[in-house]
Amino acid sequence: MHWFNLIRWPNLIIILIMMLIGGWVLHILYSLNFILLVGSVICSAAAGNVWNDLNDLKADQINKPHRIWIEKKISIQHALLLYGLLNGLAIIFSLILFFQGFSSALIITLIAQILLFIYSILLKRLVVIGNFVISLLAWMSFLLLILYNKNASENSRQWVMHLGLLAFFTTWIREAIKDMQDVIGDREANYKTLPVIWPAARVKVYILFVIMAYLCYVGYYFINNFWLVTYANRLIPYIMILILPVFWIVFYLFQAQFNDQFRQLGNFIKVWMIFGMLSTLIWKGIIF
């Protein structure tokens, strides 16, 4: 079980759900190549989680001492071996796709692995940049699916891109909140995240601006795609899922003061992300 905790299996389940929905929209769900795509993304993400824990030992001893697996349950050598194995599997899956003519799989996999490597040793310790990189990687998972099936309908491709941008913004919000949760250990480890260099009230305003950017995007998408009004009976529950939880998130954000409260808020956003993606099922038979 410790090995599954090390690769952060709940986060990998979220990635799997997102890619399954994207594959369903693009009609590639039942192909072997889709399984290889998913395997490449999940193995890269799992390797990134292992590498992140290897580089966060000092901060994690303060932020989450009860959830440290490396050195306590798993040796550093075994963790490094797992990191190399997972990255190797991701590259093998991508190479198979590459030799079948899908070169983007290998390119994006290598870019993701490089970003995750640099993120753990440098980028996550810098103001805002770490949040942006993880959000970008979430979006790239959907980009990979779109590039794979260029023959999908324009509506399907646009919808998957829409899901990718939803993942981008919600991941950014969650990562910013996680920084607030980890501020004590990050300060001891000399990281330069926003909660370390700014007072909590100012960081909350920053997160509010990210949330407002998310809402602006959602509004722009539906205004720009006014044809969706034709399906208003199915549009309303979808908008409720995308927008109504935001008001609770903002309220709870400005009430939160302790690490446990920020952790609960981050977990809520993960659940919200899943329901936001699953709400795509509302559109079955309309745009796909």
C-alpha atoms as a PDB file:
ATOM      1  CA  MET A   1       0.000   0.000   0.000  1.00  0.00           C
ATOM      2  CA  HIS A   2       2.928   2.325   0.703  1.00  0.00           C
ATOM      3  CA  TRP A   3       3.947   2.152  -2.943  1.00  0.00           C
ATOM      4  CA  PHE A   4       0.483   3.277  -4.049  1.00  0.00           C
ATOM      5  CA  ASN A   5       0.583   6.114  -1.534  1.00  0.00           C
ATOM      6  CA  LEU A   6       3.977   7.165  -2.860  1.00  0.00           C
ATOM      7  CA  ILE A   7       2.683   7.547  -6.428  1.00  0.00           C
ATOM      8  CA  ARG A   8      -0.443   9.323  -5.038  1.00  0.00           C
ATOM      9  CA  TRP A   9      -2.984   6.974  -6.524  1.00  0.00           C
ATOM     10  CA  PRO A  10      -6.023   9.268  -5.923  1.00  0.00           C
ATOM     11  CA  ASN A  11      -4.465  11.921  -8.187  1.00  0.00           C
ATOM     12  CA  LEU A  12      -3.763   9.269 -10.818  1.00  0.00           C
ATOM     13  CA  ILE A  13      -7.414   8.186 -10.680  1.00  0.00           C
ATOM     14  CA  ILE A  14      -8.420  11.776 -11.430  1.00  0.00           C
ATOM     15  CA  ILE A  15      -6.079  11.819 -14.443  1.00  0.00           C
ATOM     16  CA  LEU A  16      -7.505   8.494 -15.609  1.00  0.00           C
ATOM     17  CA  ILE A  17     -11.082   9.784 -15.362  1.00  0.00           C
ATOM     18  CA  MET A  18     -10.183  12.931 -17.303  1.00  0.00           C
ATOM     19  CA  MET A  19      -8.504  10.984 -20.087  1.00  0.00           C
ATOM     20  CA  LEU A  20     -11.307   8.407 -20.282  1.00  0.00           C
ATOM     21  CA  ILE A  21     -13.827  11.203 -20.758  1.00  0.00           C
ATOM     22  CA  GLY A  22     -11.630  12.879 -23.364  1.00  0.00           C
ATOM     23  CA  GLY A  23     -11.176   9.574 -25.174  1.00  0.00           C
ATOM     24  CA  TRP A  24     -14.922   8.936 -25.087  1.00  0.00           C
ATOM     25  CA  VAL A  25     -15.656  12.346 -26.585  1.00  0.00           C
ATOM     26  CA  LEU A  26     -13.119  11.783 -29.371  1.00  0.00           C
ATOM     27  CA  HIS A  27     -14.270   8.184 -30.040  1.00  0.00           C
ATOM     28  CA  ILE A  28     -10.876   6.608 -29.330  1.00  0.00           C
ATOM     29  CA  LEU A  29     -11.787   4.926 -26.045  1.00  0.00           C
ATOM     30  CA  TYR A  30     -11.601   1.358 -27.306  1.00  0.00           C
ATOM     31  CA  SER A  31      -8.328   1.496 -29.228  1.00  0.00           C
ATOM     32  CA  LEU A  32      -5.047  -0.038 -28.074  1.00  0.00           C
ATOM     33  CA  ASN A  33      -3.228   3.202 -28.847  1.00  0.00           C
ATOM     34  CA  PHE A  34      -5.496   5.052 -26.432  1.00  0.00           C
ATOM     35  CA  ILE A  35      -4.458   2.619 -23.681  1.00  0.00           C
ATOM     36  CA  LEU A  36      -0.818   3.374 -24.513  1.00  0.00           C
ATOM     37  CA  LEU A  37      -1.524   7.116 -24.380  1.00  0.00           C
ATOM     38  CA  VAL A  38      -3.166   6.816 -20.980  1.00  0.00           C
ATOM     39  CA  GLY A  39      -0.363   4.566 -19.738  1.00  0.00           C
ATOM     40  CA  SER A  40       2.250   7.082 -20.848  1.00  0.00           C
ATOM     41  CA  VAL A  41       0.526   9.999 -19.104  1.00  0.00           C
ATOM     42  CA  ILE A  42      -0.189   8.111 -15.869  1.00  0.00           C
ATOM     43  CA  CYS A  43       3.328   6.645 -15.638  1.00  0.00           C
ATOM     44  CA  SER A  44       4.855  10.102 -16.208  1.00  0.00           C
ATOM     45  CA  ALA A  45       2.598  11.629 -13.548  1.00  0.00           C
ATOM     46  CA  ALA A  46       3.352   8.828 -11.076  1.00  0.00           C
ATOM     47  CA  ALA A  47       7.091   9.238 -11.676  1.00  0.00           C
ATOM     48  CA  GLY A  48       6.723  12.980 -11.116  1.00  0.00           C
ATOM     49  CA  ASN A  49       5.012  12.326  -7.774  1.00  0.00           C
ATOM     50  CA  VAL A  50       7.843  10.038  -6.654  1.00  0.00           C
ATOM     51  CA  TRP A  51      10.491  12.563  -7.709  1.00  0.00           C
ATOM     52  CA  ASN A  52       8.593  15.347  -5.970  1.00  0.00           C
ATOM     53  CA  ASP A  53       8.541  13.423  -2.683  1.00  0.00           C
ATOM     54  CA  LEU A  54      12.256  12.677  -3.008  1.00  0.00           C
ATOM     55  CA  ASN A  55      12.979  16.394  -3.253  1.00  0.00           C
ATOM     56  CA  ASP A  56      10.450  17.489  -0.630  1.00  0.00           C
ATOM     57  CA  LEU A  57      11.629  15.404   2.310  1.00  0.00           C
ATOM     58  CA  LYS A  58      12.592  18.399   4.458  1.00  0.00           C
ATOM     59  CA  ALA A  59       9.373  20.327   3.882  1.00  0.00           C
ATOM     60  CA  ASP A  60       7.193  17.213   4.179  1.00  0.00           C
ATOM     61  CA  GLN A  61       8.607  16.405   7.608  1.00  0.00           C
ATOM     62  CA  ILE A  62       6.781  19.533   8.769  1.00  0.00           C
ATOM     63  CA  ASN A  63       3.819  19.717   6.390  1.00  0.00           C
ATOM     64  CA  LYS A  64       2.754  16.062   6.480  1.00  0.00           C
ATOM     65  CA  PRO A  65       4.930  14.020   8.867  1.00  0.00           C
ATOM     66  CA  HIS A  66       2.295  11.262   9.025  1.00  0.00           C
ATOM     67  CA  ARG A  67       2.377  10.831   5.235  1.00  0.00           C
ATOM     68  CA  ILE A  68       6.099  10.479   4.565  1.00  0.00           C
ATOM     69  CA  TRP A  69       6.789   7.173   2.846  1.00  0.00           C
ATOM     70  CA  ILE A  70      10.385   7.623   1.668  1.00  0.00           C
ATOM     71  CA  GLU A  71      12.981   6.615   4.272  1.00  0.00           C
ATOM     72  CA  LYS A  72      10.259   5.512   6.718  1.00  0.00           C
ATOM     73  CA  LYS A  73       8.560   2.832   4.612  1.00  0.00           C
ATOM     74  CA  ILE A  74      10.471   2.869   1.324  1.00  0.00           C
ATOM     75  CA  SER A  75      14.191   3.413   0.916  1.00  0.00           C
ATOM     76  CA  ILE A  76      15.554   6.228  -1.216  1.00  0.00           C
ATOM     77  CA  GLN A  77      17.197   3.679  -3.499  1.00  0.00           C
ATOM     78  CA  HIS A  78      13.912   1.855  -4.103  1.00  0.00           C
ATOM     79  CA  ALA A  79      12.101   5.151  -4.671  1.00  0.00           C
ATOM     80  CA  LEU A  80      14.703   6.150  -7.269  1.00  0.00           C
ATOM     81  CA  LEU A  81      14.339   2.742  -8.909  1.00  0.00           C
ATOM     82  CA  LEU A  82      10.558   3.199  -9.091  1.00  0.00           C
ATOM     83  CA  TYR A  83      11.031   6.687 -10.535  1.00  0.00           C
ATOM     84  CA  GLY A  84      13.265   5.362 -13.296  1.00  0.00           C
ATOM     85  CA  LEU A  85      10.968   2.407 -13.994  1.00  0.00           C
ATOM     86  CA  LEU A  86       7.862   4.579 -14.355  1.00  0.00           C
ATOM     87  CA  ASN A  87       9.617   7.066 -16.635  1.00  0.00           C
ATOM     88  CA  GLY A  88      10.994   4.184 -18.678  1.00  0.00           C
ATOM     89  CA  LEU A  89       7.528   2.674 -19.116  1.00  0.00           C
ATOM     90  CA  ALA A  90       6.145   6.054 -20.209  1.00  0.00           C
ATOM     91  CA  ILE A  91       8.870   6.396 -22.840  1.00  0.00           C
ATOM     92  CA  ILE A  92       8.336   2.822 -24.067  1.00  0.00           C
ATOM     93  CA  PHE A  93       4.607   3.439 -24.516  1.00  0.00           C
ATOM     94  CA  SER A  94       5.380   6.687 -26.349  1.00  0.00           C
ATOM     95  CA  LEU A  95       7.975   5.001 -28.570  1.00  0.00           C
ATOM     96  CA  ILE A  96       5.417   2.398 -29.650  1.00  0.00           C
ATOM     97  CA  LEU A  97       3.090   5.232 -30.668  1.00  0.00           C
ATOM     98  CA  PHE A  98       5.986   7.070 -32.294  1.00  0.00           C
ATOM     99  CA  PHE A  99       6.782   4.130 -34.570  1.00  0.00           C
ATOM    100  CA  GLN A 100       3.123   4.025 -35.515  1.00  0.00           C
ATOM    101  CA  GLY A 101       3.361   7.582 -36.792  1.00  0.00           C
ATOM    102  CA  PHE A 102       2.218   9.515 -33.723  1.00  0.00           C
ATOM    103  CA  SER A 103       5.369  11.500 -32.945  1.00  0.00           C
ATOM    104  CA  SER A 104       3.543  13.970 -30.681  1.00  0.00           C
ATOM    105  CA  ALA A 105       3.210  11.291 -27.984  1.00  0.00           C
ATOM    106  CA  LEU A 106       6.978  10.977 -27.546  1.00  0.00           C
ATOM    107  CA  ILE A 107       7.578  14.727 -27.757  1.00  0.00           C
ATOM    108  CA  ILE A 108       4.907  15.640 -25.199  1.00  0.00           C
ATOM    109  CA  THR A 109       5.938  12.784 -22.879  1.00  0.00           C
ATOM    110  CA  LEU A 110       9.565  13.964 -22.878  1.00  0.00           C
ATOM    111  CA  ILE A 111       8.510  17.590 -22.340  1.00  0.00           C
ATOM    112  CA  ALA A 112       6.283  16.526 -19.431  1.00  0.00           C
ATOM    113  CA  GLN A 113       9.056  14.467 -17.821  1.00  0.00           C
ATOM    114  CA  ILE A 114      11.548  17.306 -18.144  1.00  0.00           C
ATOM    115  CA  LEU A 115       9.070  19.810 -16.689  1.00  0.00           C
ATOM    116  CA  LEU A 116       8.235  17.495 -13.775  1.00  0.00           C
ATOM    117  CA  PHE A 117      11.949  16.965 -13.085  1.00  0.00           C
ATOM    118  CA  ILE A 118      12.705  20.705 -13.087  1.00  0.00           C
ATOM    119  CA  TYR A 119       9.489  21.452 -11.194  1.00  0.00           C
ATOM    120  CA  SER A 120      10.469  19.341  -8.207  1.00  0.00           C
ATOM    121  CA  ILE A 121      14.009  20.706  -7.873  1.00  0.00           C
ATOM    122  CA  LEU A 122      13.359  24.351  -8.795  1.00  0.00           C
ATOM    123  CA  LEU A 123      10.075  25.573 -10.279  1.00  0.00           C
ATOM    124  CA  LYS A 124       7.755  24.612  -7.410  1.00  0.00           C
ATOM    125  CA  ARG A 125       9.888  26.752  -5.103  1.00  0.00           C
ATOM    126  CA  LEU A 126       9.334  29.890  -7.171  1.00  0.00           C
ATOM    127  CA  VAL A 127       6.480  32.375  -7.030  1.00  0.00           C
ATOM    128  CA  VAL A 128       3.471  31.304  -9.175  1.00  0.00           C
ATOM    129  CA  ILE A 129       5.629  29.447 -11.744  1.00  0.00           C
ATOM    130  CA  GLY A 130       5.153  26.066 -10.061  1.00  0.00           C
ATOM    131  CA  ASN A 131       1.365  26.494 -10.062  1.00  0.00           C
ATOM    132  CA  PHE A 132       1.418  27.378 -13.746  1.00  0.00           C
ATOM    133  CA  VAL A 133       3.577  24.404 -14.747  1.00  0.00           C
ATOM    134  CA  ILE A 134       1.342  21.813 -13.047  1.00  0.00           C
ATOM    135  CA  SER A 135      -1.745  23.453 -14.579  1.00  0.00           C
ATOM    136  CA  LEU A 136      -0.087  23.406 -17.999  1.00  0.00           C
ATOM    137  CA  LEU A 137       0.659  19.694 -17.648  1.00  0.00           C
ATOM    138  CA  ALA A 138      -3.003  19.017 -16.829  1.00  0.00           C
ATOM    139  CA  TRP A 139      -3.993  20.819 -20.035  1.00  0.00           C
ATOM    140  CA  MET A 140      -1.354  18.949 -22.064  1.00  0.00           C
ATOM    141  CA  SER A 141      -3.045  15.628 -21.262  1.00  0.00           C
ATOM    142  CA  PHE A 142      -6.067  16.772 -23.263  1.00  0.00           C
ATOM    143  CA  LEU A 143      -3.895  18.282 -25.986  1.00  0.00           C
ATOM    144  CA  LEU A 144      -2.313  14.866 -26.467  1.00  0.00           C
ATOM    145  CA  LEU A 145      -5.735  13.319 -27.124  1.00  0.00           C
ATOM    146  CA  ILE A 146      -6.688  16.035 -29.615  1.00  0.00           C
ATOM    147  CA  LEU A 147      -3.435  15.652 -31.533  1.00  0.00           C
ATOM    148  CA  TYR A 148      -3.916  11.891 -31.654  1.00  0.00           C
ATOM    149  CA  ASN A 149      -7.376  11.954 -33.250  1.00  0.00           C
ATOM    150  CA  LYS A 150      -7.235  14.701 -35.848  1.00  0.00           C
ATOM    151  CA  ASN A 151     -10.215  13.171 -37.653  1.00  0.00           C
ATOM    152  CA  ALA A 152     -12.654  13.844 -34.823  1.00  0.00           C
ATOM    153  CA  SER A 153     -15.425  16.351 -35.439  1.00  0.00           C
ATOM    154  CA  GLU A 154     -14.663  20.010 -34.803  1.00  0.00           C
ATOM    155  CA  ASN A 155     -17.242  20.153 -32.006  1.00  0.00           C
ATOM    156  CA  SER A 156     -15.648  17.165 -30.250  1.00  0.00           C
ATOM    157  CA  ARG A 157     -12.160  18.641 -30.533  1.00  0.00           C
ATOM    158  CA  GLN A 158     -13.340  22.005 -29.230  1.00  0.00           C
ATOM    159  CA  TRP A 159     -15.109  20.347 -26.326  1.00  0.00           C
ATOM    160  CA  VAL A 160     -12.005  18.389 -25.305  1.00  0.00           C
ATOM    161  CA  MET A 161      -9.999  21.617 -25.488  1.00  0.00           C
ATOM    162  CA  HIS A 162     -12.668  23.174 -23.282  1.00  0.00           C
ATOM    163  CA  LEU A 163     -12.240  20.349 -20.762  1.00  0.00           C
ATOM    164  CA  GLY A 164      -8.482  20.883 -20.902  1.00  0.00           C
ATOM    165  CA  LEU A 165      -8.861  24.553 -20.041  1.00  0.00           C
ATOM    166  CA  LEU A 166     -11.234  23.705 -17.198  1.00  0.00           C
ATOM    167  CA  ALA A 167      -8.562  21.334 -15.888  1.00  0.00           C
ATOM    168  CA  PHE A 168      -5.960  24.100 -16.294  1.00  0.00           C
ATOM    169  CA  PHE A 169      -7.858  26.648 -14.197  1.00  0.00           C
ATOM    170  CA  THR A 170      -9.125  24.274 -11.508  1.00  0.00           C
ATOM    171  CA  THR A 171      -5.645  22.772 -11.113  1.00  0.00           C
ATOM    172  CA  TRP A 172      -4.180  26.273 -10.719  1.00  0.00           C
ATOM    173  CA  ILE A 173      -6.731  27.078  -8.004  1.00  0.00           C
ATOM    174  CA  ARG A 174      -6.029  23.796  -6.200  1.00  0.00           C
ATOM    175  CA  GLU A 175      -2.239  24.212  -6.406  1.00  0.00           C
ATOM    176  CA  ALA A 176      -2.420  27.770  -5.055  1.00  0.00           C
ATOM    177  CA  ILE A 177      -4.494  26.565  -2.109  1.00  0.00           C
ATOM    178  CA  LYS A 178      -2.082  23.681  -1.530  1.00  0.00           C
ATOM    179  CA  ASP A 179       0.737  26.234  -1.245  1.00  0.00           C
ATOM    180  CA  MET A 180      -1.193  27.860   1.612  1.00  0.00           C
ATOM    181  CA  GLN A 181      -1.588  24.466   3.254  1.00  0.00           C
ATOM    182  CA  ASP A 182       2.176  23.788   3.014  1.00  0.00           C
ATOM    183  CA  VAL A 183       3.419  27.250   3.951  1.00  0.00           C
ATOM    184  CA  ILE A 184       5.099  26.280   7.261  1.00  0.00           C
ATOM    185  CA  GLY A 185       7.281  23.537   5.795  1.00  0.00           C
ATOM    186  CA  ASP A 186       7.935  25.540   2.628  1.00  0.00           C
ATOM    187  CA  ARG A 187       9.212  28.436   4.728  1.00  0.00           C
ATOM    188  CA  GLU A 188      11.575  26.137   6.630  1.00  0.00           C
ATOM    189  CA  ALA A 189      12.807  24.663   3.326  1.00  0.00           C
ATOM    190  CA  ASN A 190      13.413  28.213   2.016  1.00  0.00           C
ATOM    191  CA  TYR A 191      10.915  27.944  -0.832  1.00  0.00           C
ATOM    192  CA  LYS A 192       9.698  31.182  -2.402  1.00  0.00           C
ATOM    193  CA  THR A 193       6.020  30.410  -2.887  1.00  0.00           C
ATOM    194  CA  LEU A 194       3.459  33.199  -2.567  1.00  0.00           C
ATOM    195  CA  PRO A 195       2.273  32.212   0.949  1.00  0.00           C
ATOM    196  CA  VAL A 196       5.894  32.372   2.127  1.00  0.00           C
ATOM    197  CA  ILE A 197       6.563  35.905   0.865  1.00  0.00           C
ATOM    198  CA  TRP A 198       3.049  37.386   1.110  1.00  0.00           C
ATOM    199  CA  PRO A 199       0.604  37.616   4.013  1.00  0.00           C
ATOM    200  CA  ALA A 200      -2.273  35.122   3.870  1.00  0.00           C
ATOM    201  CA  ALA A 201      -4.890  37.788   3.112  1.00  0.00           C
ATOM    202  CA  ARG A 202      -3.027  38.921  -0.013  1.00  0.00           C
ATOM    203  CA  VAL A 203      -2.565  35.324  -1.221  1.00  0.00           C
ATOM    204  CA  LYS A 204      -6.298  34.766  -0.868  1.00  0.00           C
ATOM    205  CA  VAL A 205      -6.922  37.794  -3.090  1.00  0.00           C
ATOM    206  CA  TYR A 206      -4.532  36.315  -5.653  1.00  0.00           C
ATOM    207  CA  ILE A 207      -6.479  33.026  -5.580  1.00  0.00           C
ATOM    208  CA  LEU A 208      -9.683  35.023  -5.968  1.00  0.00           C
ATOM    209  CA  PHE A 209      -8.279  36.579  -9.165  1.00  0.00           C
ATOM    210  CA  VAL A 210      -7.490  33.085 -10.513  1.00  0.00           C
ATOM    211  CA  ILE A 211     -11.069  32.055  -9.702  1.00  0.00           C
ATOM    212  CA  MET A 212     -12.364  35.169 -11.486  1.00  0.00           C
ATOM    213  CA  ALA A 213     -10.242  34.269 -14.531  1.00  0.00           C
ATOM    214  CA  TYR A 214     -11.861  30.815 -14.459  1.00  0.00           C
ATOM    215  CA  LEU A 215     -15.344  32.337 -14.335  1.00  0.00           C
ATOM    216  CA  CYS A 216     -14.478  34.736 -17.172  1.00  0.00           C
ATOM    217  CA  TYR A 217     -13.347  31.791 -19.273  1.00  0.00           C
ATOM    218  CA  VAL A 218     -16.540  29.819 -18.581  1.00  0.00           C
ATOM    219  CA  GLY A 219     -18.644  32.875 -19.453  1.00  0.00           C
ATOM    220  CA  TYR A 220     -16.648  33.537 -22.616  1.00  0.00           C
ATOM    221  CA  TYR A 221     -16.963  29.932 -23.739  1.00  0.00           C
ATOM    222  CA  PHE A 222     -20.735  29.854 -23.525  1.00  0.00           C
ATOM    223  CA  ILE A 223     -21.167  33.331 -25.020  1.00  0.00           C
ATOM    224  CA  ASN A 224     -18.813  32.484 -27.864  1.00  0.00           C
ATOM    225  CA  ASN A 225     -20.679  29.208 -28.459  1.00  0.00           C
ATOM    226  CA  PHE A 226     -24.150  30.725 -28.379  1.00  0.00           C
ATOM    227  CA  TRP A 227     -25.535  27.724 -30.273  1.00  0.00           C
ATOM    228  CA  LEU A 228     -25.504  25.872 -26.950  1.00  0.00           C
ATOM    229  CA  VAL A 229     -28.553  27.906 -25.929  1.00  0.00           C
ATOM    230  CA  THR A 230     -30.554  25.548 -28.160  1.00  0.00           C
ATOM    231  CA  TYR A 231     -29.932  22.909 -25.508  1.00  0.00           C
ATOM    232  CA  ALA A 232     -30.721  25.097 -22.504  1.00  0.00           C
ATOM    233  CA  ASN A 233     -32.479  22.262 -20.670  1.00  0.00           C
ATOM    234  CA  ARG A 234     -29.160  20.399 -20.520  1.00  0.00           C
ATOM    235  CA  LEU A 235     -27.046  23.515 -20.200  1.00  0.00           C
ATOM    236  CA  ILE A 236     -28.446  24.606 -16.824  1.00  0.00           C
ATOM    237  CA  PRO A 237     -27.257  21.606 -14.751  1.00  0.00           C
ATOM    238  CA  TYR A 238     -23.836  21.788 -16.425  1.00  0.00           C
ATOM    239  CA  ILE A 239     -23.446  25.473 -15.558  1.00  0.00           C
ATOM    240  CA  MET A 240     -24.595  24.741 -12.007  1.00  0.00           C
ATOM    241  CA  ILE A 241     -21.819  22.176 -11.630  1.00  0.00           C
ATOM    242  CA  LEU A 242     -19.217  24.573 -13.057  1.00  0.00           C
ATOM    243  CA  ILE A 243     -20.244  27.737 -11.235  1.00  0.00           C
ATOM    244  CA  LEU A 244     -22.240  27.147  -8.037  1.00  0.00           C
ATOM    245  CA  PRO A 245     -19.395  25.391  -6.128  1.00  0.00           C
ATOM    246  CA  VAL A 246     -17.191  28.420  -6.812  1.00  0.00           C
ATOM    247  CA  PHE A 247     -19.212  30.535  -4.371  1.00  0.00           C
ATOM    248  CA  TRP A 248     -18.670  27.991  -1.591  1.00  0.00           C
ATOM    249  CA  ILE A 249     -14.953  27.760  -2.458  1.00  0.00           C
ATOM    250  CA  VAL A 250     -14.550  31.548  -2.199  1.00  0.00           C
ATOM    251  CA  PHE A 251     -16.514  31.688   1.076  1.00  0.00           C
ATOM    252  CA  TYR A 252     -14.538  28.844   2.659  1.00  0.00           C
ATOM    253  CA  LEU A 253     -11.232  30.222   1.331  1.00  0.00           C
ATOM    254  CA  PHE A 254     -11.651  33.502   3.184  1.00  0.00           C
ATOM    255  CA  GLN A 255     -12.798  31.675   6.331  1.00  0.00           C
ATOM    256  CA  ALA A 256      -9.912  29.187   6.325  1.00  0.00           C
ATOM    257  CA  GLN A 257      -6.978  29.825   8.644  1.00  0.00           C
ATOM    258  CA  PHE A 258      -5.458  26.445   9.451  1.00  0.00           C
ATOM    259  CA  ASN A 259      -3.713  23.776   7.381  1.00  0.00           C
ATOM    260  CA  ASP A 260      -6.511  21.252   7.828  1.00  0.00           C
ATOM    261  CA  GLN A 261      -9.018  23.729   6.429  1.00  0.00           C
ATOM    262  CA  PHE A 262      -6.904  24.346   3.327  1.00  0.00           C
ATOM    263  CA  ARG A 263      -6.475  20.584   2.895  1.00  0.00           C
ATOM    264  CA  GLN A 264     -10.248  20.082   3.061  1.00  0.00           C
ATOM    265  CA  LEU A 265     -10.718  22.843   0.503  1.00  0.00           C
ATOM    266  CA  GLY A 266      -8.155  21.245  -1.804  1.00  0.00           C
ATOM    267  CA  ASN A 267      -9.890  17.866  -1.513  1.00  0.00           C
ATOM    268  CA  PHE A 268     -13.231  19.485  -2.318  1.00  0.00           C
ATOM    269  CA  ILE A 269     -11.753  21.002  -5.476  1.00  0.00           C
ATOM    270  CA  LYS A 270     -10.534  17.551  -6.558  1.00  0.00           C
ATOM    271  CA  VAL A 271     -14.073  16.187  -6.215  1.00  0.00           C
ATOM    272  CA  TRP A 272     -15.427  19.244  -8.028  1.00  0.00           C
ATOM    273  CA  MET A 273     -12.990  18.610 -10.891  1.00  0.00           C
ATOM    274  CA  ILE A 274     -14.217  15.040 -11.241  1.00  0.00           C
ATOM    275  CA  PHE A 275     -17.887  16.045 -11.277  1.00  0.00           C
ATOM    276  CA  GLY A 276     -17.112  18.844 -13.727  1.00  0.00           C
ATOM    277  CA  MET A 277     -15.576  16.318 -16.110  1.00  0.00           C
ATOM    278  CA  LEU A 278     -18.308  13.723 -15.571  1.00  0.00           C
ATOM    279  CA  SER A 279     -20.951  16.334 -16.323  1.00  0.00           C
ATOM    280  CA  THR A 280     -19.819  15.995 -19.938  1.00  0.00           C
ATOM    281  CA  LEU A 281     -22.168  12.986 -19.972  1.00  0.00           C
ATOM    282  CA  ILE A 282     -25.029  15.519 -19.987  1.00  0.00           C
ATOM    283  CA  TRP A 283     -24.079  16.319 -23.561  1.00  0.00           C
ATOM    284  CA  LYS A 284     -24.260  12.766 -24.858  1.00  0.00           C
ATOM    285  CA  GLY A 285     -25.913  12.777 -28.267  1.00  0.00           C
ATOM    286  CA  ILE A 286     -25.574  16.558 -28.735  1.00  0.00           C
ATOM    287  CA  ILE A 287     -22.044  17.397 -29.824  1.00  0.00           C
ATOM    288  CA  PHE A 288     -20.242  14.050 -29.998  1.00  0.00           C
END
